[in-house]
Amino acid sequence: MSLTIDITGLPEERLLFTPSPLAELNAMLHVLAEPAHHPALSGWAASTTAVIPPELSERLMEADFLWRSSRADFLVPGLPGATLAEELDAVDRIDDELYVAAALITTCGSSRLTHKLESPLTDPAAGERARELALARGPRQAAFADRLLADPPAVRALVRRMLEECRSAFFADAWQRVLPDLAADARRKADLLARHGLAEALAAVSPSVTLDEGREGDGRRRIVIDKLQDNATTAATGGGVTFIPTAFGRPHLLVVHARGWRPVLQYPVAEAGLPEPVSLALVQQRLEALAHPVRLRLARTMARGPHTTGELAAAWQLTAPEVSRHLGVLRRAGLLTTRRRGRYMLYELDLGVGARLGSDLLEAVLR
């Protein structure tokens, strides 16, 4: 499963690495709305929530579906500006139909995959579907959707004022603190692109982002993002692709991919000491490896220390070839470490890998 961006024929100078104040504010608002997604930022979220004025906090709660579960595309600029005000001015230039449709992608689950994004302002069926889905998600969301559909300019002005108030309440200080690192990261990625090519620049963005050159001679090029979805877009409409570093976005790789918008990828800046993300395919491989009852029993034994094939066979009344086959599955999934002691090979469950799969799993195998 993946999300792909077709960049066939796109000159590499159309690939932009740059920070964005609005995109970073969007990431911060997501952290405040979903602090459980970002345990490393729990202290920042708690201290920031404590200083936000109550009136602003109430308005942020009313509109938090613009950034809670997914993000409205206009909050992640394709062509970032130097200041938050400049980027908000660009949002103001978006027409009402596009703004409302983009907002309701988030609030009402509208599909990003349709060939033309129907406007709930002009399409009665789309408007009715927006209201139904909003009502199903709760009265606060229903009220926002109704207000947006009834009077887009008034709601747009309200959202802009709210984001401007965030600047003085908490954003300005946080942005000043993280901007040097974000700018430096963007420069490093741009330099990699210029000196070593796109494949190396994408690898530096994230191990979950790769370049697909297609079959030899067909000239096709695609950026492939390892996401739990099967979607595709093209850089042709927006004339390029934008990569925006974020200090508040981990672990998310946020991608703007709706038709009609310039593709944007917001990626977490590298942090020393943090493990690199693994692919969804490898996570699935590890879960499937541990789903087998025999392999789960073997993992339980190896979690307690290194064992030989013979010891594992005796412990679980299996033949050595059976154990070897199961160990092979666990090894290919990256769940084991091995070391040799004389003529014996010792196998041990990699507890670090197990912990990354989940604390409940680790507790169960150690129980």
Foldseek 3Di string as FASTA:
>chain_A
DWEKAWCQPADPVQEAADAALLLQLLLVLQCLQCVVQPVVCPVVSVVLVVQQDPVLVVVSVLLVLCRHPAHQPLSFAQDHDPDPVVSLVVVVPDDLQSNLLSSLCRQQVQDLADPDRDGLLPDVVVVVSSLVSQVVVHDSSNVLNVCCSVPVVVVSVVVVVSSVSCCVSPSVVVCVVCVVVQRVQSVVLVVCCVPPNDQVSQVQLAVQWGWDCPDPPPSIIMIIGQDPDYYYAYQVLVSHEYEHEYQSNPPDFHWDGRPNHHIYTYGYHDDPPDDGDDGPVLLVLQVVLCVDVLLVLLQLVQQVHWDFLVVSCVVVVHDSVVSVVSVVSCVVSVQWDWDDDVPTIIIHGDVVVVVVSHPVSSVVSPD
